[in-house]
Amino acid sequence: MKVLMVLNDPEVKRTMSLCFKLYWPEATLLSSTEGTEGMEMLVRESPDVVVLDLVPSGMDGFELLSKIRALSNVPVMVVTPRCEEMEKIRGLELGADDYIVKPFSDGELVARVKALLRRAGVDGLTFNAPLAQGGLVLDFRSRAVTHRGEEINLSPTEYAILSQLVSNIGRTVSHGSLIEKVWGEEALRKTPNLLRVHIHRLRGKLGDPQDNPQIIITVPGRGYKFNVPAS
């Protein structure tokens, strides 16, 4: 399992490296302090997950995140300072799958990265054949999604959310249930924007109008429901 860390802060780099050595010694660590080098390592090494500081040297962290997401669906966790709410939201909007706030506890990082990798596999869904609903087709084996014949490029987290909604078609999935299924129980204590931002991005990729959604329906005070899209 390859973990690419793009980190500008030497102290954060040392802390993260120690966390992996203690709690996940089997992981292969790749690291860079510079954005361009980080992109080169992404292409050359094909890591399984990226841990990205939002302020790497040589390239703005948000710019680097956009470049990563344009090139790959690799799971991305961003590292943010405490209380920087807008940085968290912007990172999620640009395609990050999760974030961790520094300073973090010794084992939290590794636990969160492992949870992110599990989400990328979308554990628990047992469909064998592709599921077609209206103009939307989900192939659970290949994790490919098409809408009206066009392939949709989803991040692992967006795919996990859509899969949970589709697997509960016709039923409202509560905010808490979605957050727990996709991010884990500890995420219930996070900012409520976490789920909202990913739903917003998912609707945009499906061509679902934000002001009057027809596919991912908001059920006020309860959660979200998947509605069969028009062919």
Protein backbone atom coordinates (compact mmCIF):
# COMPACT_ATOMS: atom_id res chain seq x y z
CA MET A 1 0.00 0.00 0.00
CA LYS A 2 1.57 3.31 -1.11
CA VAL A 3 0.90 6.56 0.73
CA LEU A 4 2.05 9.80 -0.92
CA MET A 5 2.52 12.69 1.52
CA VAL A 6 2.89 16.19 0.05
CA LEU A 7 3.81 18.26 3.09
CA ASN A 8 5.62 21.57 3.49
CA ASP A 9 5.97 21.52 7.29
CA PRO A 10 8.95 19.35 8.41
CA GLU A 11 7.41 18.84 11.84
CA VAL A 12 4.11 17.59 10.38
CA LYS A 13 6.07 15.32 8.04
CA ARG A 14 8.02 13.82 10.97
CA THR A 15 4.84 13.34 12.98
CA MET A 16 3.00 11.65 10.11
CA SER A 17 5.95 9.41 9.26
CA LEU A 18 6.15 8.29 12.89
CA CYS A 19 2.39 7.61 12.96
CA PHE A 20 2.65 5.29 9.97
CA LYS A 21 5.74 3.53 11.32
CA LEU A 22 3.98 2.89 14.63
CA TYR A 23 0.46 2.04 13.46
CA TRP A 24 0.92 0.84 9.86
CA PRO A 25 4.52 -0.24 9.26
CA GLU A 26 3.52 -2.24 6.16
CA ALA A 27 2.64 0.95 4.28
CA THR A 28 5.17 2.32 1.80
CA LEU A 29 5.65 6.04 2.44
CA LEU A 30 6.43 8.46 -0.37
CA SER A 31 6.96 12.12 0.45
CA SER A 32 7.51 15.45 -1.21
CA THR A 33 7.67 19.03 0.04
CA GLU A 34 7.08 20.57 -3.38
CA GLY A 35 3.95 20.51 -5.51
CA THR A 36 5.48 19.84 -8.90
CA GLU A 37 7.52 16.95 -7.51
CA GLY A 38 4.38 15.66 -5.81
CA MET A 39 2.58 15.55 -9.16
CA GLU A 40 5.51 13.73 -10.76
CA MET A 41 5.46 11.14 -7.95
CA LEU A 42 1.70 10.72 -8.38
CA VAL A 43 2.18 9.82 -12.05
CA ARG A 44 5.30 7.71 -11.53
CA GLU A 45 4.36 5.82 -8.35
CA SER A 46 0.54 5.51 -8.62
CA PRO A 47 -0.06 5.80 -4.85
CA ASP A 48 -3.16 4.33 -3.24
CA VAL A 49 -3.87 7.47 -1.22
CA VAL A 50 -2.55 11.06 -1.02
CA VAL A 51 -2.16 13.12 2.16
CA LEU A 52 -1.89 16.77 1.13
CA ASP A 53 -0.98 19.86 3.11
CA LEU A 54 -2.90 22.79 1.69
CA VAL A 55 0.25 24.93 1.61
CA PRO A 56 3.04 22.87 -0.03
CA SER A 57 5.99 24.91 -1.30
CA GLY A 58 6.25 25.73 -4.98
CA MET A 59 2.53 25.36 -5.71
CA ASP A 60 -0.59 26.48 -3.89
CA GLY A 61 -2.19 23.51 -2.15
CA PHE A 62 -5.59 24.18 -3.68
CA GLU A 63 -4.03 24.38 -7.15
CA LEU A 64 -2.27 21.09 -6.54
CA LEU A 65 -5.50 19.47 -5.33
CA SER A 66 -7.25 20.58 -8.53
CA LYS A 67 -4.44 19.14 -10.64
CA ILE A 68 -4.53 15.84 -8.75
CA ARG A 69 -8.30 15.53 -9.12
CA ALA A 70 -8.14 16.39 -12.84
CA LEU A 71 -5.63 13.60 -13.35
CA SER A 72 -6.73 10.88 -10.93
CA ASN A 73 -9.51 9.59 -8.65
CA VAL A 74 -6.97 8.59 -6.00
CA PRO A 75 -8.40 9.19 -2.49
CA VAL A 76 -7.12 12.51 -1.11
CA MET A 77 -6.99 13.62 2.52
CA VAL A 78 -6.10 17.27 3.13
CA VAL A 79 -4.39 18.58 6.24
CA THR A 80 -5.85 21.84 7.56
CA PRO A 81 -5.10 24.18 10.47
CA ARG A 82 -7.54 24.20 13.38
CA CYS A 83 -10.63 26.41 12.95
CA GLU A 84 -9.96 27.18 9.27
CA GLU A 85 -13.51 26.31 8.25
CA MET A 86 -13.32 27.89 4.79
CA GLU A 87 -10.17 25.94 3.93
CA LYS A 88 -11.95 22.69 4.79
CA ILE A 89 -14.95 23.61 2.65
CA ARG A 90 -12.84 24.77 -0.30
CA GLY A 91 -10.75 21.60 -0.15
CA LEU A 92 -13.89 19.44 -0.22
CA GLU A 93 -15.34 21.46 -3.09
CA LEU A 94 -12.16 20.91 -5.11
CA GLY A 95 -12.43 17.16 -4.69
CA ALA A 96 -10.77 16.17 -1.40
CA ASP A 97 -12.40 13.11 0.15
CA ASP A 98 -11.70 13.96 3.78
CA TYR A 99 -9.62 16.27 5.97
CA ILE A 100 -7.68 16.04 9.20
CA VAL A 101 -7.06 19.01 11.49
CA LYS A 102 -3.61 19.59 12.94
CA PRO A 103 -2.51 18.95 15.58
CA PHE A 104 -3.93 15.41 15.49
CA SER A 105 -3.53 12.46 17.84
CA ASP A 106 -0.93 9.79 17.10
CA GLY A 107 -3.26 7.10 15.80
CA GLU A 108 -5.96 9.28 14.27
CA LEU A 109 -4.18 9.88 10.96
CA VAL A 110 -3.64 6.20 10.16
CA ALA A 111 -7.15 5.26 11.24
CA ARG A 112 -8.63 7.94 9.01
CA VAL A 113 -6.46 6.98 6.02
CA LYS A 114 -7.47 3.33 6.39
CA ALA A 115 -11.14 4.36 6.60
CA LEU A 116 -10.68 6.43 3.45
CA LEU A 117 -9.25 3.43 1.62
CA ARG A 118 -12.16 1.27 2.78
CA ARG A 119 -14.58 3.85 1.43
CA ALA A 120 -12.77 3.80 -1.89
CA GLY A 121 -13.75 0.12 -2.05
CA VAL A 122 -17.31 0.88 -0.91
CA ASP A 123 -17.56 -1.99 1.54
CA GLY A 124 -20.89 -3.62 2.15
CA LEU A 125 -22.46 -3.27 -1.30
CA THR A 126 -23.11 -6.69 -2.79
CA PHE A 127 -24.72 -6.00 -6.16
CA ASN A 128 -23.38 -8.36 -8.80
CA ALA A 129 -24.84 -6.85 -11.97
CA PRO A 130 -24.82 -3.18 -12.99
CA LEU A 131 -27.79 -1.23 -11.67
CA ALA A 132 -29.65 0.92 -14.20
CA GLN A 133 -32.18 3.50 -13.06
CA GLY A 134 -33.49 5.80 -15.74
CA GLY A 135 -30.48 7.38 -17.40
CA LEU A 136 -28.09 6.44 -14.61
CA VAL A 137 -26.03 3.21 -14.64
CA LEU A 138 -23.78 2.07 -11.78
CA ASP A 139 -21.43 -0.85 -12.33
CA PHE A 140 -20.54 -1.93 -8.80
CA ARG A 141 -17.77 -4.27 -9.92
CA SER A 142 -15.85 -1.75 -12.00
CA ARG A 143 -17.15 1.23 -9.99
CA ALA A 144 -18.00 2.97 -13.26
CA VAL A 145 -20.89 5.44 -13.41
CA THR A 146 -22.60 6.68 -16.57
CA HIS A 147 -25.45 9.15 -16.92
CA ARG A 148 -27.33 9.35 -20.22
CA GLY A 149 -24.51 7.42 -21.87
CA GLU A 150 -21.69 9.64 -20.63
CA GLU A 151 -19.17 8.43 -18.07
CA ILE A 152 -19.05 10.47 -14.87
CA ASN A 153 -15.75 10.94 -13.09
CA LEU A 154 -16.53 10.56 -9.38
CA SER A 155 -14.16 10.71 -6.44
CA PRO A 156 -14.22 7.69 -4.10
CA THR A 157 -16.30 9.60 -1.56
CA GLU A 158 -18.80 10.82 -4.16
CA TYR A 159 -19.15 7.27 -5.44
CA ALA A 160 -19.67 5.97 -1.90
CA ILE A 161 -22.43 8.52 -1.23
CA LEU A 162 -24.19 7.79 -4.53
CA SER A 163 -23.94 4.04 -3.94
CA GLN A 164 -25.49 4.35 -0.49
CA LEU A 165 -28.36 6.44 -1.87
CA VAL A 166 -28.98 4.14 -4.84
CA SER A 167 -28.88 1.04 -2.65
CA ASN A 168 -31.68 2.63 -0.59
CA ILE A 169 -33.73 3.74 -3.57
CA GLY A 170 -37.15 5.05 -2.59
CA ARG A 171 -36.13 5.53 1.05
CA THR A 172 -34.82 8.58 2.85
CA VAL A 173 -31.28 8.11 4.16
CA SER A 174 -30.69 10.27 7.22
CA HIS A 175 -27.79 12.70 7.43
CA GLY A 176 -26.32 10.73 10.34
CA SER A 177 -26.62 7.40 8.57
CA LEU A 178 -24.92 8.70 5.41
CA ILE A 179 -22.09 10.31 7.35
CA GLU A 180 -21.53 7.18 9.43
CA LYS A 181 -21.64 4.83 6.42
CA VAL A 182 -19.30 6.95 4.32
CA TRP A 183 -16.92 8.54 6.84
CA GLY A 184 -17.36 6.48 9.99
CA GLU A 185 -18.90 7.13 13.37
CA GLU A 186 -16.25 9.64 14.43
CA ALA A 187 -17.28 11.93 11.57
CA LEU A 188 -20.66 12.57 13.21
CA ARG A 189 -18.83 15.12 15.35
CA LYS A 190 -17.42 16.98 12.33
CA THR A 191 -18.69 20.08 10.60
CA PRO A 192 -22.13 19.53 9.03
CA ASN A 193 -20.70 21.00 5.82
CA LEU A 194 -18.83 17.76 5.14
CA LEU A 195 -21.84 15.96 3.68
CA ARG A 196 -23.48 19.05 2.20
CA VAL A 197 -20.43 19.96 0.12
CA HIS A 198 -20.09 16.46 -1.33
CA ILE A 199 -23.81 16.32 -2.17
CA HIS A 200 -23.42 19.68 -3.94
CA ARG A 201 -20.50 18.34 -6.02
CA LEU A 202 -22.33 15.10 -6.79
CA ARG A 203 -25.41 16.94 -8.02
CA GLY A 204 -23.24 19.09 -10.25
CA LYS A 205 -21.63 16.07 -11.89
CA LEU A 206 -25.03 14.44 -12.44
CA GLY A 207 -26.44 17.63 -13.98
CA ASP A 208 -28.96 17.80 -11.14
CA PRO A 209 -30.10 21.43 -10.68
CA GLN A 210 -28.93 22.75 -7.31
CA ASP A 211 -31.98 24.99 -6.90
CA ASN A 212 -34.47 22.25 -7.83
CA PRO A 213 -32.77 18.82 -7.65
CA GLN A 214 -34.56 15.93 -9.32
CA ILE A 215 -32.13 13.06 -8.68
CA ILE A 216 -30.77 13.57 -5.18
CA ILE A 217 -33.71 14.96 -3.25
CA THR A 218 -33.30 16.82 0.03
CA VAL A 219 -35.82 15.71 2.64
CA PRO A 220 -35.86 18.69 5.03
CA GLY A 221 -34.78 17.84 8.55
CA ARG A 222 -34.21 14.18 7.67
CA GLY A 223 -31.67 13.53 4.94
CA TYR A 224 -31.53 12.67 1.23
CA LYS A 225 -33.39 10.35 -1.13
CA PHE A 226 -32.41 9.02 -4.55
CA ASN A 227 -35.00 9.63 -7.25
CA VAL A 228 -34.89 7.73 -10.57
CA PRO A 229 -33.52 10.18 -13.14
CA ALA A 230 -35.14 10.69 -16.52
CA SER A 231 -33.63 8.68 -19.35
